[in-house]
Structures are given as C-alpha cells and as structure tokens.
C-alpha cells in the first residue's frame, strides 16, 4: 500500500533523517512518533503528495480516484472562513456519485456518530477546538478513502472525543483501510496502534508499538 524507497525529507539541503526504506501493507495501522521538529508531519505530507521529498520516492498502490484522505492540524485552517460545520463535514462527499438521499442520510449518521447534533449551522469561528476537531474527523468519515493520513487527530479532544476517535480508528482498521497516525500520546499509541515508526535524527525505527514504547510505571495507591 505504502512503499518508501531511500526517502529523505526536510528543508532544502537539510534532511531530517538518514534515508528511509519502509513498506506498510494494505489495511495496516501505524503510528508515527518522535520529538517536536523531528519531521512527523512533514513525512505525512510527503506521503500525501503535498510536499516534495528531498530524495527517494513514495509509491502508493491505491486507485488514484479518492485514494487517500488527509487530516491536517487545526492550525492550518482558516477559522474565519464563512462556512458552517455541516458544510465543512459535507465536503467529505467531494467526488462522490451517491444520490442526494444517501448523502443526506450519511450526513445525519456521521453527525450523530461524532456527537455534533445541534451544531450544524454554527460557523467555524464559533466552534470550540474539540468541536472543530470532531467535525474534521466526521468529514474524514465520509470520504471512503482506502488510505487515511491523520496528523495529530487527538488534538483538542476531551476524554469523550478521544474515546470516539479510537472507536472510529479501530472501525476503519476492521474495514481494511490503511491508516498512518501522527500522535504524541504514547500511552494511547501503545494501547491502540499495533505498529509504530519512531523518527530520530540518527534514523527511523519501525516495529511493534509495545516494543518501541515502554510501559508507563504503575501508580501505587496507598
């Protein structure tokens, strides 16, 4: 599904890591972890085709049409853009040939699934960070893309929102979608994501999450 061959990325002339060779199979669920500035988001953009690599190549063995869906970080969105929450979510139908009736029912369902009922007409500037994040994830739910690239999907989510997120990530995994998730919550990665790519300046390491991420110490209650 995703094959990186001698891939290097970063600012021009300043690759962040040695060359990366990595293959992720169809239906895999992989986390990307690393320190701030290590190149996690940049790698995701290179995979998505939004940023050119410094060297090497990325090959995606997926249909070109509606092949992938990319969840950006909130900071890259214009909260002043005059669009409602419902219109933002409905953008997930772009390129779909489904009938208006089916779209209407799916939109209703996804609003319920992400606990966004009653917020349909609210403009983006009136949404909390958590509401906006759930709206972006709801839009992702409508794309039906076989490849999902999620950049810090847990950002701004409260406990309920995070539970919804991991529920959907597991559901997408069962559906056979390939997912790559940038995440700073290492405990959640260890619990929910089977494999991890750890980015370091000395090189990238790929393996089972339970091996790359140590178990947090138990808190003893007196």
N, C-alpha and C. Protein backbone atom coordinates (compact mmCIF):
# COMPACT_ATOMS: atom_id res chain seq x y z
N UNK A 1 0.83 -1.20 0.00
CA UNK A 1 0.00 0.00 0.00
C UNK A 1 0.87 1.26 0.00
N UNK A 2 1.84 1.34 0.95
CA UNK A 2 2.77 2.48 1.00
C UNK A 2 4.19 1.94 0.99
N UNK A 3 4.99 2.38 0.03
CA UNK A 3 6.38 1.96 -0.05
C UNK A 3 7.27 3.19 -0.16
N UNK A 4 8.16 3.35 0.82
CA UNK A 4 9.13 4.45 0.81
C UNK A 4 10.50 3.87 0.46
N UNK A 5 11.12 4.42 -0.58
CA UNK A 5 12.41 3.92 -1.04
C UNK A 5 13.46 5.03 -0.95
N UNK A 6 14.46 4.84 -0.09
CA UNK A 6 15.55 5.80 0.09
C UNK A 6 15.00 7.21 0.28
N UNK A 7 13.92 7.31 1.04
CA UNK A 7 13.20 8.58 1.19
C UNK A 7 13.90 9.51 2.20
N UNK A 8 14.08 10.77 1.79
CA UNK A 8 14.61 11.80 2.68
C UNK A 8 13.74 13.04 2.53
N UNK A 9 13.50 13.71 3.65
CA UNK A 9 12.61 14.88 3.63
C UNK A 9 13.11 15.91 4.64
N UNK A 10 12.59 17.14 4.51
CA UNK A 10 13.00 18.23 5.37
C UNK A 10 13.20 19.49 4.56
N UNK A 11 13.87 20.49 5.13
CA UNK A 11 14.16 21.73 4.41
C UNK A 11 15.20 21.45 3.33
N UNK A 12 15.21 22.24 2.25
CA UNK A 12 16.17 22.02 1.17
C UNK A 12 17.61 21.94 1.68
N UNK A 13 18.27 20.84 1.38
CA UNK A 13 19.65 20.66 1.79
C UNK A 13 19.83 20.25 3.24
N UNK A 14 18.72 20.05 3.95
CA UNK A 14 18.79 19.71 5.37
C UNK A 14 17.87 18.53 5.69
N UNK A 15 18.18 17.35 5.21
CA UNK A 15 17.33 16.19 5.51
C UNK A 15 17.28 15.92 7.01
N UNK A 16 16.10 15.54 7.48
CA UNK A 16 15.90 15.35 8.91
C UNK A 16 16.43 14.02 9.43
N UNK A 17 16.50 13.03 8.56
CA UNK A 17 16.97 11.71 8.96
C UNK A 17 17.75 11.07 7.82
N UNK A 18 18.48 10.00 8.10
CA UNK A 18 19.03 9.20 7.01
C UNK A 18 17.89 8.65 6.14
N UNK A 19 18.24 8.13 5.00
CA UNK A 19 17.23 7.62 4.06
C UNK A 19 16.35 6.56 4.71
N UNK A 20 15.06 6.65 4.43
CA UNK A 20 14.07 5.72 5.00
C UNK A 20 13.59 4.74 3.94
N UNK A 21 13.67 3.46 4.27
CA UNK A 21 13.07 2.40 3.45
C UNK A 21 12.00 1.74 4.32
N UNK A 22 10.77 1.78 3.84
CA UNK A 22 9.66 1.27 4.67
C UNK A 22 8.53 0.83 3.76
N UNK A 23 7.90 -0.28 4.10
CA UNK A 23 6.71 -0.74 3.39
C UNK A 23 5.61 -1.03 4.40
N UNK A 24 4.45 -0.44 4.16
CA UNK A 24 3.28 -0.65 5.01
C UNK A 24 2.22 -1.35 4.16
N UNK A 25 1.75 -2.48 4.63
CA UNK A 25 0.81 -3.28 3.85
C UNK A 25 -0.59 -2.69 3.90
N UNK A 26 -1.41 -3.13 2.96
CA UNK A 26 -2.80 -2.69 2.91
C UNK A 26 -3.53 -3.11 4.19
N UNK A 27 -4.29 -2.18 4.75
CA UNK A 27 -5.04 -2.45 5.97
C UNK A 27 -4.25 -2.29 7.25
N UNK A 28 -3.00 -1.87 7.14
CA UNK A 28 -2.16 -1.70 8.34
C UNK A 28 -2.54 -0.43 9.09
N UNK A 29 -2.21 -0.42 10.36
CA UNK A 29 -2.45 0.73 11.24
C UNK A 29 -1.13 1.06 11.92
N UNK A 30 -0.59 2.24 11.59
CA UNK A 30 0.76 2.60 12.02
C UNK A 30 0.77 3.99 12.64
N UNK A 31 1.48 4.13 13.75
CA UNK A 31 1.68 5.44 14.38
C UNK A 31 3.04 5.99 13.96
N UNK A 32 3.13 7.31 13.90
CA UNK A 32 4.41 7.99 13.73
C UNK A 32 4.65 8.81 14.98
N UNK A 33 5.77 8.57 15.67
CA UNK A 33 6.09 9.28 16.88
C UNK A 33 7.49 9.90 16.75
N UNK A 34 7.78 10.84 17.64
CA UNK A 34 9.09 11.49 17.63
C UNK A 34 8.99 12.84 18.31
N UNK A 35 10.13 13.42 18.58
CA UNK A 35 10.18 14.72 19.25
C UNK A 35 9.65 15.82 18.34
N UNK A 36 9.33 16.97 18.94
CA UNK A 36 8.92 18.12 18.15
C UNK A 36 10.01 18.48 17.15
N UNK A 37 9.61 18.73 15.92
CA UNK A 37 10.57 19.10 14.90
C UNK A 37 11.31 17.95 14.26
N UNK A 38 10.94 16.72 14.62
CA UNK A 38 11.65 15.56 14.07
C UNK A 38 11.22 15.25 12.63
N UNK A 39 10.08 15.79 12.20
CA UNK A 39 9.65 15.58 10.83
C UNK A 39 8.44 14.68 10.66
N UNK A 40 7.66 14.50 11.72
CA UNK A 40 6.49 13.61 11.64
C UNK A 40 5.45 14.14 10.65
N UNK A 41 5.05 15.39 10.85
CA UNK A 41 4.04 15.97 9.96
C UNK A 41 4.56 16.11 8.54
N UNK A 42 5.84 16.45 8.41
CA UNK A 42 6.43 16.58 7.07
C UNK A 42 6.41 15.26 6.33
N UNK A 43 6.69 14.17 7.02
CA UNK A 43 6.66 12.85 6.39
C UNK A 43 5.24 12.53 5.92
N UNK A 44 4.26 12.86 6.75
CA UNK A 44 2.87 12.60 6.37
C UNK A 44 2.50 13.39 5.11
N UNK A 45 2.97 14.63 5.02
CA UNK A 45 2.69 15.45 3.83
C UNK A 45 3.39 14.90 2.60
N UNK A 46 4.59 14.36 2.77
CA UNK A 46 5.30 13.75 1.65
C UNK A 46 4.52 12.53 1.14
N UNK A 47 4.04 11.71 2.06
CA UNK A 47 3.25 10.54 1.68
C UNK A 47 1.98 10.96 0.95
N UNK A 48 1.37 12.06 1.41
CA UNK A 48 0.13 12.55 0.81
C UNK A 48 0.36 13.25 -0.52
N UNK A 49 1.61 13.53 -0.86
CA UNK A 49 1.91 14.23 -2.10
C UNK A 49 1.78 15.74 -1.99
N UNK A 50 1.70 16.24 -0.74
CA UNK A 50 1.56 17.68 -0.51
C UNK A 50 2.92 18.37 -0.39
N UNK A 51 3.96 17.59 -0.24
CA UNK A 51 5.31 18.13 -0.10
C UNK A 51 6.28 17.21 -0.83
N UNK A 52 7.20 17.80 -1.55
CA UNK A 52 8.15 17.01 -2.32
C UNK A 52 9.27 16.49 -1.42
N UNK A 53 9.69 15.26 -1.63
CA UNK A 53 10.83 14.73 -0.86
C UNK A 53 12.13 15.34 -1.35
N UNK A 54 13.13 15.30 -0.50
CA UNK A 54 14.46 15.76 -0.91
C UNK A 54 15.15 14.71 -1.78
N UNK A 55 14.84 13.46 -1.54
CA UNK A 55 15.42 12.36 -2.31
C UNK A 55 14.53 11.13 -2.13
N UNK A 56 14.72 10.17 -3.03
CA UNK A 56 13.94 8.95 -2.94
C UNK A 56 12.53 9.14 -3.46
N UNK A 57 11.69 8.17 -3.16
CA UNK A 57 10.32 8.23 -3.67
C UNK A 57 9.35 7.51 -2.74
N UNK A 58 8.06 7.85 -2.91
CA UNK A 58 6.97 7.17 -2.21
C UNK A 58 6.05 6.59 -3.27
N UNK A 59 5.69 5.34 -3.11
CA UNK A 59 4.76 4.70 -4.03
C UNK A 59 3.53 4.23 -3.26
N UNK A 60 2.35 4.62 -3.77
CA UNK A 60 1.09 4.22 -3.16
C UNK A 60 0.36 3.30 -4.13
N UNK A 61 0.12 2.08 -3.72
CA UNK A 61 -0.59 1.13 -4.58
C UNK A 61 -2.08 1.16 -4.26
N UNK A 62 -2.69 2.32 -4.59
CA UNK A 62 -4.12 2.51 -4.37
C UNK A 62 -4.70 3.17 -5.62
N UNK A 63 -6.02 3.04 -5.86
CA UNK A 63 -6.63 3.72 -7.01
C UNK A 63 -6.44 5.23 -6.89
N UNK A 64 -6.25 5.89 -8.01
CA UNK A 64 -5.99 7.32 -7.98
C UNK A 64 -7.20 8.11 -7.49
N UNK A 65 -8.40 7.71 -7.87
CA UNK A 65 -9.60 8.46 -7.51
C UNK A 65 -9.97 8.22 -6.06
N UNK A 66 -10.09 9.29 -5.30
CA UNK A 66 -10.48 9.21 -3.89
C UNK A 66 -9.58 8.22 -3.15
N UNK A 67 -8.29 8.21 -3.49
CA UNK A 67 -7.39 7.20 -2.95
C UNK A 67 -7.00 7.45 -1.50
N UNK A 68 -6.88 8.72 -1.12
CA UNK A 68 -6.46 8.99 0.26
C UNK A 68 -7.18 10.22 0.80
N UNK A 69 -7.22 10.28 2.11
CA UNK A 69 -7.79 11.44 2.79
C UNK A 69 -6.82 11.87 3.87
N UNK A 70 -6.56 13.17 3.92
CA UNK A 70 -5.54 13.72 4.81
C UNK A 70 -6.20 14.63 5.86
N UNK A 71 -5.95 14.34 7.13
CA UNK A 71 -6.45 15.18 8.21
C UNK A 71 -5.34 16.11 8.66
N UNK A 72 -5.44 17.42 8.39
CA UNK A 72 -4.38 18.36 8.78
C UNK A 72 -4.53 18.78 10.23
N UNK A 73 -3.52 19.44 10.74
CA UNK A 73 -3.62 20.04 12.06
C UNK A 73 -4.50 21.29 11.98
N UNK A 74 -5.19 21.58 13.06
CA UNK A 74 -6.13 22.71 13.08
C UNK A 74 -5.46 24.04 12.75
N UNK A 75 -4.21 24.20 13.11
CA UNK A 75 -3.53 25.48 12.94
C UNK A 75 -3.41 25.87 11.47
N UNK A 76 -3.62 24.92 10.57
CA UNK A 76 -3.52 25.21 9.15
C UNK A 76 -4.88 25.59 8.54
N UNK A 77 -5.92 25.66 9.37
CA UNK A 77 -7.25 26.01 8.89
C UNK A 77 -7.56 27.47 9.17
N UNK A 78 -8.34 28.07 8.30
CA UNK A 78 -8.78 29.45 8.47
C UNK A 78 -10.12 29.45 9.19
N UNK A 79 -10.09 29.74 10.49
CA UNK A 79 -11.32 29.73 11.29
C UNK A 79 -12.27 30.85 10.89
N UNK A 80 -11.80 31.84 10.12
CA UNK A 80 -12.65 32.95 9.70
C UNK A 80 -13.39 32.64 8.40
N UNK A 81 -13.06 31.52 7.77
CA UNK A 81 -13.73 31.19 6.50
C UNK A 81 -15.23 31.02 6.75
N UNK A 82 -16.07 31.70 5.94
CA UNK A 82 -17.52 31.70 6.19
C UNK A 82 -18.20 30.40 5.75
N UNK A 83 -18.08 29.38 6.57
CA UNK A 83 -18.68 28.09 6.26
C UNK A 83 -19.22 27.50 7.56
N UNK A 84 -20.31 26.77 7.45
CA UNK A 84 -20.91 26.15 8.63
C UNK A 84 -20.27 24.80 8.91
N UNK A 85 -20.49 24.29 10.11
CA UNK A 85 -19.97 22.97 10.47
C UNK A 85 -20.50 21.92 9.51
N UNK A 86 -21.78 21.98 9.18
CA UNK A 86 -22.36 20.97 8.29
C UNK A 86 -21.73 21.03 6.90
N UNK A 87 -21.49 22.23 6.39
CA UNK A 87 -20.87 22.37 5.07
C UNK A 87 -19.44 21.84 5.09
N UNK A 88 -18.73 22.07 6.20
CA UNK A 88 -17.37 21.55 6.32
C UNK A 88 -17.37 20.03 6.25
N UNK A 89 -18.27 19.41 6.99
CA UNK A 89 -18.33 17.95 7.01
C UNK A 89 -18.75 17.41 5.65
N UNK A 90 -19.74 18.07 5.02
CA UNK A 90 -20.25 17.60 3.73
C UNK A 90 -19.19 17.65 2.63
N UNK A 91 -18.10 18.40 2.85
CA UNK A 91 -17.01 18.43 1.87
C UNK A 91 -16.39 17.04 1.71
N UNK A 92 -16.64 16.16 2.67
CA UNK A 92 -16.14 14.79 2.55
C UNK A 92 -16.78 14.02 1.42
N UNK A 93 -17.89 14.54 0.86
CA UNK A 93 -18.56 13.89 -0.26
C UNK A 93 -17.92 14.25 -1.60
N UNK A 94 -16.90 15.12 -1.57
CA UNK A 94 -16.32 15.58 -2.84
C UNK A 94 -15.92 14.40 -3.73
N UNK A 95 -16.40 14.44 -4.98
CA UNK A 95 -16.09 13.37 -5.92
C UNK A 95 -17.00 12.16 -5.83
N UNK A 96 -17.90 12.14 -4.86
CA UNK A 96 -18.81 11.01 -4.69
C UNK A 96 -19.97 11.09 -5.68
N UNK A 97 -20.44 9.94 -6.13
CA UNK A 97 -21.58 9.88 -7.05
C UNK A 97 -22.84 9.38 -6.36
N UNK A 98 -22.85 9.43 -5.05
CA UNK A 98 -24.02 8.98 -4.30
C UNK A 98 -25.18 9.94 -4.50
N UNK A 99 -26.37 9.42 -4.39
CA UNK A 99 -27.57 10.24 -4.58
C UNK A 99 -27.74 11.21 -3.42
N UNK A 100 -28.47 12.31 -3.63
CA UNK A 100 -28.71 13.27 -2.54
C UNK A 100 -29.36 12.62 -1.32
N UNK A 101 -30.22 11.62 -1.56
CA UNK A 101 -30.89 10.95 -0.44
C UNK A 101 -29.88 10.19 0.42
N UNK A 102 -28.99 9.48 -0.24
CA UNK A 102 -27.98 8.72 0.51
C UNK A 102 -27.03 9.67 1.23
N UNK A 103 -26.65 10.76 0.58
CA UNK A 103 -25.77 11.73 1.22
C UNK A 103 -26.42 12.31 2.46
N UNK A 104 -27.69 12.64 2.35
CA UNK A 104 -28.40 13.23 3.48
C UNK A 104 -28.43 12.28 4.67
N UNK A 105 -28.68 10.98 4.41
CA UNK A 105 -28.74 10.00 5.49
C UNK A 105 -27.37 9.78 6.09
N UNK A 106 -26.34 9.72 5.25
CA UNK A 106 -24.98 9.52 5.77
C UNK A 106 -24.52 10.72 6.59
N UNK A 107 -24.89 11.92 6.14
CA UNK A 107 -24.52 13.11 6.89
C UNK A 107 -25.20 13.11 8.25
N UNK A 108 -26.45 12.72 8.30
CA UNK A 108 -27.17 12.64 9.57
C UNK A 108 -26.51 11.64 10.50
N UNK A 109 -26.11 10.49 9.94
CA UNK A 109 -25.48 9.44 10.74
C UNK A 109 -24.15 9.89 11.30
N UNK A 110 -23.33 10.54 10.45
CA UNK A 110 -22.00 10.93 10.90
C UNK A 110 -22.07 12.04 11.95
N UNK A 111 -23.06 12.91 11.86
CA UNK A 111 -23.25 13.93 12.89
C UNK A 111 -23.57 13.28 14.23
N UNK A 112 -24.38 12.23 14.19
CA UNK A 112 -24.71 11.52 15.41
C UNK A 112 -23.50 10.76 15.95
N UNK A 113 -22.75 10.13 15.05
CA UNK A 113 -21.61 9.32 15.47
C UNK A 113 -20.53 10.15 16.16
N UNK A 114 -20.41 11.42 15.75
CA UNK A 114 -19.37 12.28 16.34
C UNK A 114 -19.97 13.29 17.33
N UNK A 115 -21.23 13.04 17.76
CA UNK A 115 -21.89 13.88 18.78
C UNK A 115 -21.87 15.36 18.39
N UNK A 116 -22.29 15.65 17.16
CA UNK A 116 -22.30 17.02 16.65
C UNK A 116 -23.70 17.53 16.34
N UNK A 117 -24.72 16.79 16.76
CA UNK A 117 -26.10 17.22 16.54
C UNK A 117 -26.35 18.57 17.20
N UNK A 118 -27.06 19.44 16.50
CA UNK A 118 -27.38 20.75 17.04
C UNK A 118 -26.36 21.82 16.70
N UNK A 119 -25.23 21.40 16.10
CA UNK A 119 -24.18 22.35 15.76
C UNK A 119 -24.08 22.57 14.24
N UNK A 120 -25.04 22.02 13.50
CA UNK A 120 -24.93 22.01 12.04
C UNK A 120 -24.73 23.39 11.43
N UNK A 121 -25.43 24.40 11.93
CA UNK A 121 -25.39 25.73 11.32
C UNK A 121 -24.36 26.66 11.97
N UNK A 122 -23.61 26.16 12.92
CA UNK A 122 -22.66 27.01 13.63
C UNK A 122 -21.43 27.28 12.75
N UNK A 123 -21.00 28.54 12.64
CA UNK A 123 -19.80 28.84 11.84
C UNK A 123 -18.54 28.34 12.53
N UNK A 124 -17.48 28.18 11.76
CA UNK A 124 -16.24 27.63 12.30
C UNK A 124 -15.71 28.45 13.46
N UNK A 125 -15.82 29.79 13.36
CA UNK A 125 -15.27 30.64 14.41
C UNK A 125 -16.00 30.48 15.73
N UNK A 126 -17.20 29.91 15.70
CA UNK A 126 -17.98 29.73 16.93
C UNK A 126 -17.81 28.34 17.53
N UNK A 127 -16.97 27.51 16.92
CA UNK A 127 -16.75 26.16 17.43
C UNK A 127 -15.58 26.14 18.40
N UNK A 128 -15.66 25.28 19.40
CA UNK A 128 -14.51 25.06 20.27
C UNK A 128 -13.48 24.22 19.50
N UNK A 129 -12.28 24.13 20.05
CA UNK A 129 -11.26 23.33 19.39
C UNK A 129 -11.67 21.88 19.26
N UNK A 130 -12.30 21.34 20.30
CA UNK A 130 -12.74 19.95 20.26
C UNK A 130 -13.86 19.71 19.27
N UNK A 131 -14.80 20.67 19.19
CA UNK A 131 -15.90 20.55 18.22
C UNK A 131 -15.38 20.59 16.79
N UNK A 132 -14.44 21.49 16.53
CA UNK A 132 -13.86 21.57 15.20
C UNK A 132 -13.12 20.29 14.84
N UNK A 133 -12.38 19.73 15.81
CA UNK A 133 -11.63 18.51 15.53
C UNK A 133 -12.59 17.36 15.21
N UNK A 134 -13.69 17.26 15.95
CA UNK A 134 -14.66 16.21 15.67
C UNK A 134 -15.31 16.41 14.31
N UNK A 135 -15.50 17.68 13.92
CA UNK A 135 -16.07 17.98 12.60
C UNK A 135 -15.11 17.54 11.50
N UNK A 136 -13.82 17.80 11.69
CA UNK A 136 -12.83 17.38 10.69
C UNK A 136 -12.76 15.85 10.59
N UNK A 137 -12.88 15.18 11.72
CA UNK A 137 -12.88 13.72 11.71
C UNK A 137 -14.16 13.18 11.09
N UNK A 138 -15.28 13.88 11.31
CA UNK A 138 -16.54 13.48 10.69
C UNK A 138 -16.44 13.61 9.17
N UNK A 139 -15.80 14.69 8.69
CA UNK A 139 -15.59 14.84 7.25
C UNK A 139 -14.77 13.67 6.71
N UNK A 140 -13.76 13.27 7.46
CA UNK A 140 -12.92 12.14 7.06
C UNK A 140 -13.77 10.87 6.94
N UNK A 141 -14.74 10.72 7.82
CA UNK A 141 -15.58 9.52 7.83
C UNK A 141 -16.38 9.37 6.53
N UNK A 142 -16.65 10.48 5.85
CA UNK A 142 -17.47 10.45 4.65
C UNK A 142 -16.67 10.19 3.38
N UNK A 143 -15.36 10.18 3.45
CA UNK A 143 -14.57 10.11 2.22
C UNK A 143 -14.51 8.72 1.60
N UNK A 144 -14.61 7.67 2.41
CA UNK A 144 -14.49 6.29 1.93
C UNK A 144 -13.12 6.00 1.33
N UNK A 145 -12.12 6.82 1.61
CA UNK A 145 -10.78 6.61 1.06
C UNK A 145 -10.14 5.37 1.69
N UNK A 146 -9.43 4.56 0.89
CA UNK A 146 -8.77 3.37 1.45
C UNK A 146 -7.51 3.70 2.25
N UNK A 147 -6.99 4.94 2.11
CA UNK A 147 -5.79 5.35 2.84
C UNK A 147 -6.10 6.62 3.61
N UNK A 148 -5.92 6.56 4.94
CA UNK A 148 -6.19 7.70 5.81
C UNK A 148 -4.88 8.14 6.47
N UNK A 149 -4.56 9.43 6.32
CA UNK A 149 -3.37 10.01 6.93
C UNK A 149 -3.83 11.04 7.95
N UNK A 150 -3.58 10.79 9.23
CA UNK A 150 -4.12 11.62 10.30
C UNK A 150 -2.98 12.30 11.06
N UNK A 151 -2.97 13.63 11.04
CA UNK A 151 -1.93 14.39 11.72
C UNK A 151 -2.47 14.90 13.06
N UNK A 152 -2.04 14.25 14.13
CA UNK A 152 -2.46 14.58 15.49
C UNK A 152 -3.99 14.65 15.62
N UNK A 153 -4.71 13.58 15.29
CA UNK A 153 -6.17 13.59 15.35
C UNK A 153 -6.73 13.76 16.75
N UNK A 154 -5.91 13.48 17.77
CA UNK A 154 -6.38 13.58 19.16
C UNK A 154 -6.32 15.01 19.70
N UNK A 155 -5.72 15.94 18.94
CA UNK A 155 -5.53 17.31 19.42
C UNK A 155 -6.87 17.96 19.77
N UNK A 156 -6.91 18.60 20.92
CA UNK A 156 -8.07 19.38 21.40
C UNK A 156 -9.26 18.52 21.84
N UNK A 157 -9.15 17.22 21.74
CA UNK A 157 -10.28 16.36 22.12
C UNK A 157 -10.28 16.08 23.62
N UNK A 158 -11.47 16.14 24.21
CA UNK A 158 -11.60 15.77 25.61
C UNK A 158 -11.70 14.25 25.71
N UNK A 159 -11.97 13.76 26.90
CA UNK A 159 -11.99 12.30 27.12
C UNK A 159 -13.03 11.62 26.24
N UNK A 160 -14.21 12.24 26.13
CA UNK A 160 -15.27 11.65 25.29
C UNK A 160 -14.85 11.66 23.82
N UNK A 161 -14.29 12.79 23.37
CA UNK A 161 -13.86 12.89 21.99
C UNK A 161 -12.77 11.90 21.65
N UNK A 162 -11.83 11.67 22.58
CA UNK A 162 -10.77 10.71 22.33
C UNK A 162 -11.32 9.28 22.25
N UNK A 163 -12.31 8.99 23.07
CA UNK A 163 -12.94 7.66 23.00
C UNK A 163 -13.61 7.46 21.65
N UNK A 164 -14.26 8.50 21.13
CA UNK A 164 -14.87 8.42 19.81
C UNK A 164 -13.81 8.22 18.73
N UNK A 165 -12.71 8.95 18.86
CA UNK A 165 -11.62 8.84 17.89
C UNK A 165 -11.11 7.41 17.80
N UNK A 166 -10.74 6.83 18.93
CA UNK A 166 -10.16 5.49 18.90
C UNK A 166 -11.19 4.45 18.47
N UNK A 167 -12.44 4.68 18.79
CA UNK A 167 -13.51 3.78 18.32
C UNK A 167 -13.55 3.76 16.80
N UNK A 168 -13.47 4.95 16.19
CA UNK A 168 -13.53 5.02 14.73
C UNK A 168 -12.26 4.49 14.09
N UNK A 169 -11.11 4.78 14.69
CA UNK A 169 -9.86 4.26 14.14
C UNK A 169 -9.88 2.73 14.13
N UNK A 170 -10.38 2.12 15.19
CA UNK A 170 -10.49 0.66 15.22
C UNK A 170 -11.49 0.17 14.16
N UNK A 171 -12.59 0.91 13.98
CA UNK A 171 -13.58 0.52 12.98
C UNK A 171 -13.00 0.60 11.57
N UNK A 172 -12.27 1.69 11.30
CA UNK A 172 -11.63 1.83 9.98
C UNK A 172 -10.61 0.71 9.76
N UNK A 173 -9.95 0.31 10.83
CA UNK A 173 -8.98 -0.79 10.74
C UNK A 173 -9.69 -2.09 10.37
N UNK A 174 -10.85 -2.34 10.98
CA UNK A 174 -11.63 -3.53 10.67
C UNK A 174 -12.15 -3.51 9.24
N UNK A 175 -12.38 -2.30 8.72
CA UNK A 175 -12.85 -2.17 7.34
C UNK A 175 -11.74 -2.37 6.32
N UNK A 176 -10.51 -2.51 6.79
CA UNK A 176 -9.39 -2.75 5.89
C UNK A 176 -8.73 -1.51 5.35
N UNK A 177 -9.03 -0.34 5.93
CA UNK A 177 -8.38 0.88 5.47
C UNK A 177 -6.97 0.95 6.06
N UNK A 178 -6.06 1.48 5.28
CA UNK A 178 -4.70 1.70 5.75
C UNK A 178 -4.65 3.06 6.44
N UNK A 179 -4.06 3.09 7.65
CA UNK A 179 -4.02 4.33 8.42
C UNK A 179 -2.60 4.61 8.91
N UNK A 180 -2.21 5.87 8.80
CA UNK A 180 -0.95 6.34 9.37
C UNK A 180 -1.31 7.52 10.26
N UNK A 181 -0.95 7.44 11.54
CA UNK A 181 -1.41 8.40 12.54
C UNK A 181 -0.22 9.03 13.25
N UNK A 182 -0.07 10.35 13.13
CA UNK A 182 0.91 11.08 13.93
C UNK A 182 0.29 11.33 15.30
N UNK A 183 0.98 10.90 16.36
CA UNK A 183 0.38 11.01 17.69
C UNK A 183 1.46 11.24 18.74
N UNK A 184 1.18 12.16 19.68
CA UNK A 184 2.10 12.43 20.79
C UNK A 184 1.73 11.65 22.05
N UNK A 185 0.53 11.09 22.08
CA UNK A 185 0.08 10.35 23.26
C UNK A 185 0.61 8.92 23.17
N UNK A 186 1.78 8.71 23.75
CA UNK A 186 2.45 7.42 23.62
C UNK A 186 1.68 6.29 24.30
N UNK A 187 1.02 6.60 25.40
CA UNK A 187 0.23 5.57 26.08
C UNK A 187 -0.91 5.10 25.18
N UNK A 188 -1.55 6.05 24.49
CA UNK A 188 -2.64 5.69 23.57
C UNK A 188 -2.11 4.91 22.38
N UNK A 189 -0.96 5.30 21.87
CA UNK A 189 -0.35 4.57 20.75
C UNK A 189 -0.08 3.13 21.15
N UNK A 190 0.51 2.95 22.32
CA UNK A 190 0.82 1.60 22.81
C UNK A 190 -0.44 0.76 22.95
N UNK A 191 -1.52 1.40 23.37
CA UNK A 191 -2.77 0.66 23.61
C UNK A 191 -3.55 0.38 22.34
N UNK A 192 -3.56 1.33 21.40
CA UNK A 192 -4.49 1.25 20.28
C UNK A 192 -3.87 0.97 18.91
N UNK A 193 -2.57 1.21 18.74
CA UNK A 193 -1.97 1.10 17.41
C UNK A 193 -0.89 0.01 17.44
N UNK A 194 -1.02 -1.00 16.59
CA UNK A 194 -0.12 -2.16 16.68
C UNK A 194 1.33 -1.89 16.28
N UNK A 195 1.56 -1.00 15.32
CA UNK A 195 2.92 -0.76 14.86
C UNK A 195 3.25 0.73 14.85
N UNK A 196 4.53 1.03 15.06
CA UNK A 196 4.97 2.42 15.20
C UNK A 196 6.25 2.66 14.41
N UNK A 197 6.31 3.83 13.80
CA UNK A 197 7.54 4.33 13.19
C UNK A 197 8.05 5.46 14.07
N UNK A 198 9.19 5.27 14.68
CA UNK A 198 9.79 6.29 15.53
C UNK A 198 10.85 7.04 14.74
N UNK A 199 10.70 8.37 14.67
CA UNK A 199 11.62 9.20 13.90
C UNK A 199 12.65 9.82 14.83
N UNK A 200 13.92 9.60 14.51
CA UNK A 200 15.02 10.20 15.24
C UNK A 200 16.02 10.77 14.23
N UNK A 201 16.82 11.72 14.68
CA UNK A 201 17.82 12.28 13.81
C UNK A 201 18.83 11.26 13.34
N UNK A 202 19.04 10.24 14.16
CA UNK A 202 20.00 9.18 13.82
C UNK A 202 19.41 8.14 12.88
N UNK A 203 18.09 8.21 12.68
CA UNK A 203 17.44 7.24 11.81
C UNK A 203 16.07 6.86 12.32
N UNK A 204 15.28 6.21 11.49
CA UNK A 204 13.92 5.81 11.85
C UNK A 204 13.90 4.34 12.25
N UNK A 205 13.06 4.03 13.22
CA UNK A 205 12.92 2.65 13.70
C UNK A 205 11.46 2.26 13.59
N UNK A 206 11.20 1.10 12.99
CA UNK A 206 9.83 0.61 12.83
C UNK A 206 9.69 -0.72 13.55
N UNK A 207 8.57 -0.89 14.27
CA UNK A 207 8.36 -2.15 14.95
C UNK A 207 7.06 -2.13 15.73
N UNK A 208 6.79 -3.21 16.48
CA UNK A 208 5.58 -3.26 17.31
C UNK A 208 5.58 -2.13 18.35
N UNK A 209 4.44 -1.51 18.53
CA UNK A 209 4.34 -0.39 19.47
C UNK A 209 4.71 -0.80 20.88
N UNK A 210 4.35 -2.02 21.26
CA UNK A 210 4.64 -2.47 22.62
C UNK A 210 6.13 -2.66 22.87
N UNK A 211 6.92 -2.77 21.79
CA UNK A 211 8.36 -2.91 21.95
C UNK A 211 9.07 -1.55 21.88
N UNK A 212 8.56 -0.66 21.04
CA UNK A 212 9.20 0.65 20.87
C UNK A 212 8.83 1.62 21.99
N UNK A 213 7.66 1.42 22.58
CA UNK A 213 7.18 2.34 23.62
C UNK A 213 7.13 1.58 24.94
N UNK A 214 7.91 2.03 25.90
CA UNK A 214 7.97 1.33 27.18
C UNK A 214 6.67 1.51 27.95
N UNK A 215 6.38 0.53 28.77
CA UNK A 215 5.18 0.57 29.62
C UNK A 215 5.35 1.64 30.68
N UNK A 216 4.38 2.57 30.81
CA UNK A 216 4.50 3.59 31.86
C UNK A 216 4.46 2.96 33.24
N UNK A 217 5.17 3.52 34.20
CA UNK A 217 5.20 2.94 35.55
C UNK A 217 3.82 2.99 36.20
N UNK A 218 3.53 1.97 36.97
CA UNK A 218 2.25 1.89 37.66
C UNK A 218 2.25 2.86 38.85
N UNK A 219 1.14 3.56 39.00
CA UNK A 219 0.98 4.45 40.15
C UNK A 219 0.38 3.68 41.30
N UNK A 220 1.10 3.60 42.40
CA UNK A 220 0.62 2.84 43.55
C UNK A 220 -0.21 3.73 44.46
N UNK A 221 -1.34 3.18 44.86
CA UNK A 221 -2.23 3.90 45.75
C UNK A 221 -2.07 3.34 47.17
N UNK A 222 -1.77 4.20 48.10
CA UNK A 222 -1.57 3.75 49.47
C UNK A 222 -2.88 3.30 50.10
